N, C-alpha and C. Protein backbone atom coordinates (compact mmCIF):
# COMPACT_ATOMS: atom_id res chain seq x y z
N MET A 1 -15.95 2.19 -0.73
CA MET A 1 -15.49 2.06 -2.09
C MET A 1 -14.03 1.61 -2.06
N SER A 2 -13.70 0.67 -2.91
CA SER A 2 -12.33 0.17 -2.89
C SER A 2 -11.85 -0.15 -4.29
N GLN A 3 -10.56 -0.34 -4.39
CA GLN A 3 -9.90 -0.76 -5.62
C GLN A 3 -9.47 -2.20 -5.41
N GLU A 4 -9.79 -3.07 -6.35
CA GLU A 4 -9.39 -4.47 -6.24
C GLU A 4 -8.01 -4.64 -6.86
N TYR A 5 -7.11 -5.21 -6.10
CA TYR A 5 -5.77 -5.52 -6.58
C TYR A 5 -5.68 -7.02 -6.81
N TYR A 6 -5.10 -7.42 -7.94
CA TYR A 6 -5.00 -8.82 -8.31
C TYR A 6 -3.54 -9.24 -8.30
N GLY A 7 -3.18 -10.10 -7.35
CA GLY A 7 -1.82 -10.57 -7.25
C GLY A 7 -1.53 -11.67 -8.26
N ASN A 8 -0.29 -11.74 -8.70
CA ASN A 8 0.12 -12.81 -9.61
C ASN A 8 0.02 -14.19 -8.96
N ASN A 9 -0.12 -14.22 -7.64
CA ASN A 9 -0.28 -15.48 -6.94
C ASN A 9 -1.75 -15.93 -6.91
N GLY A 10 -2.64 -15.17 -7.54
CA GLY A 10 -4.06 -15.52 -7.60
C GLY A 10 -4.90 -14.87 -6.52
N GLU A 11 -4.28 -14.16 -5.61
CA GLU A 11 -4.99 -13.52 -4.50
C GLU A 11 -5.56 -12.18 -4.94
N ASP A 12 -6.79 -11.89 -4.51
CA ASP A 12 -7.43 -10.58 -4.71
C ASP A 12 -7.39 -9.85 -3.39
N PHE A 13 -7.22 -8.52 -3.44
CA PHE A 13 -7.18 -7.74 -2.21
C PHE A 13 -7.82 -6.38 -2.46
N PRO A 14 -8.93 -6.08 -1.78
CA PRO A 14 -9.55 -4.75 -1.95
C PRO A 14 -8.86 -3.72 -1.05
N ILE A 15 -8.49 -2.59 -1.62
CA ILE A 15 -7.87 -1.51 -0.85
C ILE A 15 -8.75 -0.29 -1.00
N ASN A 16 -9.22 0.25 0.14
CA ASN A 16 -10.18 1.35 0.07
C ASN A 16 -9.56 2.62 -0.50
N THR A 17 -10.40 3.57 -0.82
CA THR A 17 -10.00 4.80 -1.49
C THR A 17 -8.93 5.57 -0.72
N THR A 18 -9.08 5.65 0.60
CA THR A 18 -8.12 6.38 1.41
C THR A 18 -6.72 5.77 1.30
N TRP A 19 -6.65 4.45 1.39
CA TRP A 19 -5.35 3.79 1.30
C TRP A 19 -4.82 3.83 -0.14
N ASN A 20 -5.70 3.82 -1.13
CA ASN A 20 -5.24 3.98 -2.51
C ASN A 20 -4.56 5.33 -2.70
N ARG A 21 -5.17 6.37 -2.15
CA ARG A 21 -4.57 7.70 -2.25
C ARG A 21 -3.22 7.74 -1.53
N PHE A 22 -3.15 7.05 -0.39
CA PHE A 22 -1.90 6.99 0.34
C PHE A 22 -0.83 6.28 -0.49
N LEU A 23 -1.18 5.16 -1.11
CA LEU A 23 -0.22 4.46 -1.97
C LEU A 23 0.23 5.36 -3.11
N ASP A 24 -0.70 6.11 -3.70
CA ASP A 24 -0.32 7.05 -4.75
C ASP A 24 0.67 8.09 -4.23
N ARG A 25 0.43 8.57 -3.03
CA ARG A 25 1.28 9.60 -2.45
C ARG A 25 2.68 9.07 -2.15
N ILE A 26 2.78 7.89 -1.54
CA ILE A 26 4.10 7.40 -1.15
C ILE A 26 4.89 6.86 -2.34
N THR A 27 4.23 6.58 -3.44
CA THR A 27 4.94 6.09 -4.63
C THR A 27 5.03 7.15 -5.72
N LEU A 28 4.71 8.39 -5.39
CA LEU A 28 4.66 9.47 -6.38
C LEU A 28 5.96 9.58 -7.18
N CYS A 29 7.07 9.62 -6.51
CA CYS A 29 8.35 9.77 -7.21
C CYS A 29 8.76 8.48 -7.91
N LEU A 30 8.10 7.40 -7.62
CA LEU A 30 8.40 6.11 -8.24
C LEU A 30 7.37 5.74 -9.30
N TRP A 31 6.47 6.67 -9.62
CA TRP A 31 5.34 6.32 -10.49
C TRP A 31 5.78 5.69 -11.81
N ASP A 32 6.74 6.29 -12.49
CA ASP A 32 7.19 5.73 -13.78
C ASP A 32 7.81 4.35 -13.59
N ARG A 33 8.47 4.16 -12.49
CA ARG A 33 9.14 2.88 -12.23
C ARG A 33 8.14 1.82 -11.77
N ILE A 34 7.29 2.18 -10.82
CA ILE A 34 6.40 1.20 -10.19
C ILE A 34 5.07 1.08 -10.92
N GLY A 35 4.48 2.17 -11.32
CA GLY A 35 3.25 2.13 -12.09
C GLY A 35 2.02 1.64 -11.35
N ILE A 36 1.82 2.08 -10.14
CA ILE A 36 0.61 1.73 -9.41
C ILE A 36 -0.57 2.20 -10.23
N PRO A 37 -1.67 1.54 -10.37
CA PRO A 37 -1.97 0.36 -9.59
C PRO A 37 -1.54 -0.96 -10.23
N ARG A 38 -1.36 -1.04 -11.54
CA ARG A 38 -0.95 -2.32 -12.13
C ARG A 38 -0.68 -2.16 -13.61
N PRO A 39 -0.03 -3.04 -14.28
CA PRO A 39 0.66 -4.22 -13.74
C PRO A 39 1.87 -3.82 -12.92
N LEU A 40 2.37 -4.73 -12.14
CA LEU A 40 3.45 -4.44 -11.22
C LEU A 40 4.31 -5.69 -11.07
N SER A 41 5.62 -5.51 -11.16
CA SER A 41 6.51 -6.66 -11.04
C SER A 41 6.63 -7.09 -9.58
N LYS A 42 7.12 -8.28 -9.38
CA LYS A 42 7.33 -8.80 -8.03
C LYS A 42 8.28 -7.89 -7.25
N GLU A 43 9.36 -7.47 -7.89
CA GLU A 43 10.35 -6.61 -7.23
C GLU A 43 9.74 -5.28 -6.82
N ASP A 44 8.93 -4.70 -7.69
CA ASP A 44 8.29 -3.43 -7.37
C ASP A 44 7.25 -3.57 -6.27
N ALA A 45 6.56 -4.70 -6.24
CA ALA A 45 5.61 -4.95 -5.16
C ALA A 45 6.35 -5.04 -3.83
N LEU A 46 7.54 -5.62 -3.84
CA LEU A 46 8.34 -5.71 -2.62
C LEU A 46 8.83 -4.33 -2.18
N ILE A 47 9.08 -3.42 -3.14
CA ILE A 47 9.45 -2.05 -2.79
C ILE A 47 8.28 -1.38 -2.05
N ILE A 48 7.07 -1.56 -2.56
CA ILE A 48 5.90 -0.97 -1.91
C ILE A 48 5.72 -1.55 -0.52
N ALA A 49 5.89 -2.86 -0.39
CA ALA A 49 5.78 -3.50 0.93
C ALA A 49 6.81 -2.90 1.89
N ARG A 50 8.02 -2.69 1.40
CA ARG A 50 9.07 -2.12 2.24
C ARG A 50 8.72 -0.70 2.67
N ILE A 51 8.22 0.11 1.74
CA ILE A 51 7.81 1.48 2.06
C ILE A 51 6.71 1.46 3.12
N MET A 52 5.73 0.58 2.93
CA MET A 52 4.62 0.46 3.89
C MET A 52 5.15 0.03 5.27
N ASN A 53 6.03 -0.95 5.29
CA ASN A 53 6.58 -1.41 6.57
C ASN A 53 7.39 -0.33 7.27
N ASN A 54 8.14 0.46 6.50
CA ASN A 54 8.87 1.58 7.09
C ASN A 54 7.91 2.61 7.67
N TYR A 55 6.84 2.90 6.94
CA TYR A 55 5.82 3.83 7.41
C TYR A 55 5.20 3.33 8.72
N ILE A 56 4.86 2.05 8.77
CA ILE A 56 4.26 1.46 9.97
C ILE A 56 5.22 1.55 11.14
N THR A 57 6.48 1.21 10.91
CA THR A 57 7.49 1.26 11.97
C THR A 57 7.61 2.68 12.52
N LEU A 58 7.68 3.66 11.63
CA LEU A 58 7.78 5.05 12.07
C LEU A 58 6.54 5.48 12.83
N GLN A 59 5.37 5.07 12.36
CA GLN A 59 4.13 5.38 13.06
C GLN A 59 4.15 4.80 14.48
N GLU A 60 4.61 3.57 14.60
CA GLU A 60 4.65 2.92 15.91
C GLU A 60 5.68 3.60 16.83
N MET A 61 6.81 4.02 16.26
CA MET A 61 7.85 4.67 17.06
C MET A 61 7.39 6.03 17.60
N THR A 62 6.57 6.73 16.83
CA THR A 62 6.15 8.08 17.24
C THR A 62 4.77 8.12 17.86
N ALA A 63 4.14 6.98 18.05
CA ALA A 63 2.76 6.93 18.54
C ALA A 63 2.61 7.54 19.93
N GLN A 64 3.60 7.41 20.78
CA GLN A 64 3.49 7.88 22.16
C GLN A 64 3.99 9.31 22.35
N GLU A 65 4.54 9.90 21.31
CA GLU A 65 5.12 11.23 21.44
C GLU A 65 4.07 12.31 21.21
N ASP A 66 4.20 13.41 21.94
CA ASP A 66 3.29 14.54 21.80
C ASP A 66 4.04 15.68 21.12
N PHE A 67 3.59 16.05 19.93
CA PHE A 67 4.29 17.07 19.16
C PHE A 67 3.56 18.42 19.13
N ASN A 68 2.43 18.53 19.80
CA ASN A 68 1.67 19.78 19.86
C ASN A 68 1.40 20.37 18.48
N GLY A 69 1.07 19.53 17.50
CA GLY A 69 0.73 20.01 16.17
C GLY A 69 1.92 20.32 15.29
N ASP A 70 3.14 20.24 15.82
CA ASP A 70 4.34 20.53 15.04
C ASP A 70 5.09 19.26 14.68
N SER A 71 4.39 18.22 14.45
CA SER A 71 5.04 16.94 14.19
C SER A 71 5.48 16.84 12.73
N MET A 72 6.36 15.88 12.47
CA MET A 72 6.75 15.62 11.09
C MET A 72 5.54 15.18 10.28
N TRP A 73 4.55 14.58 10.93
CA TRP A 73 3.36 14.13 10.22
C TRP A 73 2.60 15.32 9.64
N SER A 74 2.37 16.35 10.44
CA SER A 74 1.65 17.52 9.93
C SER A 74 2.50 18.29 8.93
N MET A 75 3.81 18.27 9.09
CA MET A 75 4.69 18.96 8.17
C MET A 75 4.57 18.40 6.75
N TYR A 76 4.30 17.10 6.64
CA TYR A 76 4.16 16.45 5.34
C TYR A 76 2.70 16.15 5.00
N SER A 77 1.78 16.84 5.65
CA SER A 77 0.34 16.68 5.43
C SER A 77 -0.11 15.24 5.64
N LEU A 78 0.49 14.58 6.60
CA LEU A 78 0.08 13.23 6.98
C LEU A 78 -0.44 13.30 8.40
N LYS A 79 -0.98 12.20 8.88
CA LYS A 79 -1.48 12.20 10.24
C LYS A 79 -0.95 10.98 10.99
N GLN A 80 -0.98 11.10 12.30
CA GLN A 80 -0.59 9.97 13.14
C GLN A 80 -1.74 8.97 13.08
N ASP A 81 -1.44 7.76 12.67
CA ASP A 81 -2.47 6.73 12.56
C ASP A 81 -2.65 5.99 13.87
N GLY A 82 -3.88 5.59 14.11
CA GLY A 82 -4.19 4.81 15.30
C GLY A 82 -3.98 3.32 15.05
N PRO A 83 -4.21 2.51 16.06
CA PRO A 83 -3.98 1.07 15.96
C PRO A 83 -4.78 0.39 14.86
N GLU A 84 -6.02 0.79 14.66
CA GLU A 84 -6.85 0.15 13.62
C GLU A 84 -6.32 0.45 12.22
N ALA A 85 -5.91 1.69 12.00
CA ALA A 85 -5.35 2.06 10.69
C ALA A 85 -4.05 1.31 10.44
N LEU A 86 -3.25 1.12 11.48
CA LEU A 86 -1.99 0.40 11.31
C LEU A 86 -2.22 -1.09 11.03
N LYS A 87 -3.31 -1.65 11.56
CA LYS A 87 -3.65 -3.04 11.24
C LYS A 87 -3.94 -3.18 9.74
N ILE A 88 -4.68 -2.21 9.21
CA ILE A 88 -4.99 -2.22 7.77
C ILE A 88 -3.70 -2.06 6.97
N ALA A 89 -2.85 -1.13 7.39
CA ALA A 89 -1.58 -0.90 6.70
C ALA A 89 -0.73 -2.17 6.69
N LYS A 90 -0.72 -2.90 7.80
CA LYS A 90 0.05 -4.15 7.87
C LYS A 90 -0.50 -5.19 6.90
N LYS A 91 -1.83 -5.26 6.78
CA LYS A 91 -2.44 -6.21 5.84
C LYS A 91 -2.07 -5.85 4.40
N ILE A 92 -2.05 -4.56 4.10
CA ILE A 92 -1.67 -4.11 2.76
C ILE A 92 -0.21 -4.47 2.49
N ALA A 93 0.67 -4.20 3.45
CA ALA A 93 2.09 -4.53 3.29
C ALA A 93 2.27 -6.04 3.10
N GLU A 94 1.56 -6.83 3.88
CA GLU A 94 1.66 -8.29 3.75
C GLU A 94 1.19 -8.76 2.38
N PHE A 95 0.11 -8.14 1.87
CA PHE A 95 -0.37 -8.50 0.54
C PHE A 95 0.72 -8.25 -0.50
N PHE A 96 1.34 -7.06 -0.46
CA PHE A 96 2.37 -6.74 -1.45
C PHE A 96 3.60 -7.64 -1.29
N GLU A 97 3.87 -8.09 -0.07
CA GLU A 97 5.00 -9.00 0.14
C GLU A 97 4.77 -10.36 -0.52
N ARG A 98 3.55 -10.83 -0.52
CA ARG A 98 3.29 -12.20 -1.00
C ARG A 98 2.63 -12.28 -2.38
N CYS A 99 2.27 -11.15 -2.99
CA CYS A 99 1.47 -11.19 -4.22
C CYS A 99 2.27 -11.55 -5.48
N ASN A 100 3.59 -11.48 -5.42
CA ASN A 100 4.43 -11.75 -6.60
C ASN A 100 4.17 -10.77 -7.73
N GLY A 101 3.76 -9.55 -7.41
CA GLY A 101 3.44 -8.54 -8.42
C GLY A 101 1.94 -8.48 -8.64
N LEU A 102 1.51 -7.48 -9.40
CA LEU A 102 0.09 -7.30 -9.70
C LEU A 102 -0.16 -7.50 -11.18
N MET A 103 -1.36 -7.95 -11.48
CA MET A 103 -1.77 -8.08 -12.87
C MET A 103 -3.02 -7.23 -13.10
N THR A 104 -3.30 -6.98 -14.36
CA THR A 104 -4.50 -6.22 -14.70
C THR A 104 -5.72 -7.12 -14.54
N GLU A 105 -6.88 -6.51 -14.55
CA GLU A 105 -8.12 -7.27 -14.45
C GLU A 105 -8.27 -8.22 -15.64
N GLU A 106 -7.85 -7.75 -16.81
CA GLU A 106 -7.93 -8.59 -18.01
C GLU A 106 -7.00 -9.81 -17.90
N GLU A 107 -5.78 -9.58 -17.41
CA GLU A 107 -4.84 -10.69 -17.21
C GLU A 107 -5.41 -11.69 -16.21
N ARG A 108 -6.04 -11.17 -15.16
CA ARG A 108 -6.62 -12.05 -14.15
C ARG A 108 -7.72 -12.91 -14.75
N SER A 109 -8.58 -12.29 -15.55
CA SER A 109 -9.68 -13.02 -16.18
C SER A 109 -9.16 -14.13 -17.10
N GLU A 110 -8.12 -13.81 -17.86
CA GLU A 110 -7.55 -14.81 -18.77
C GLU A 110 -6.90 -15.96 -18.00
N ARG A 111 -6.23 -15.62 -16.93
CA ARG A 111 -5.47 -16.61 -16.18
C ARG A 111 -6.31 -17.45 -15.23
N PHE A 112 -7.26 -16.82 -14.55
CA PHE A 112 -8.03 -17.51 -13.52
C PHE A 112 -9.52 -17.62 -13.82
N GLY A 113 -9.97 -17.08 -14.93
CA GLY A 113 -11.40 -17.10 -15.25
C GLY A 113 -12.12 -15.99 -14.54
N GLN A 114 -13.38 -15.82 -14.85
CA GLN A 114 -14.18 -14.75 -14.24
C GLN A 114 -14.36 -14.99 -12.75
N LYS A 115 -14.44 -13.93 -12.00
CA LYS A 115 -14.60 -13.97 -10.55
C LYS A 115 -16.00 -14.39 -10.19
């Protein structure tokens, strides 16, 4: 199951439920400003991309460390992601970098016609 995101550049991108929840979690304090899932300005989409890229970088930096269950990840109810999950995270970050913001499904239909 996924949520379809519609970029202002005309690109569609499905993001599964797990990653949607993650986006909700990392943008929680920015909810009024960013307004996930949409509409979303280009600048706000770039903020999300930056947050995702920082998350990926931190995941990669700590991937080889052994924390015996006392890691910062467990402290914040997060988990250490494996290589496959980080590939998905990178694709999500890249989408937000190039989407020029998000539009609603109705805006997409008006602008690009039915899918």
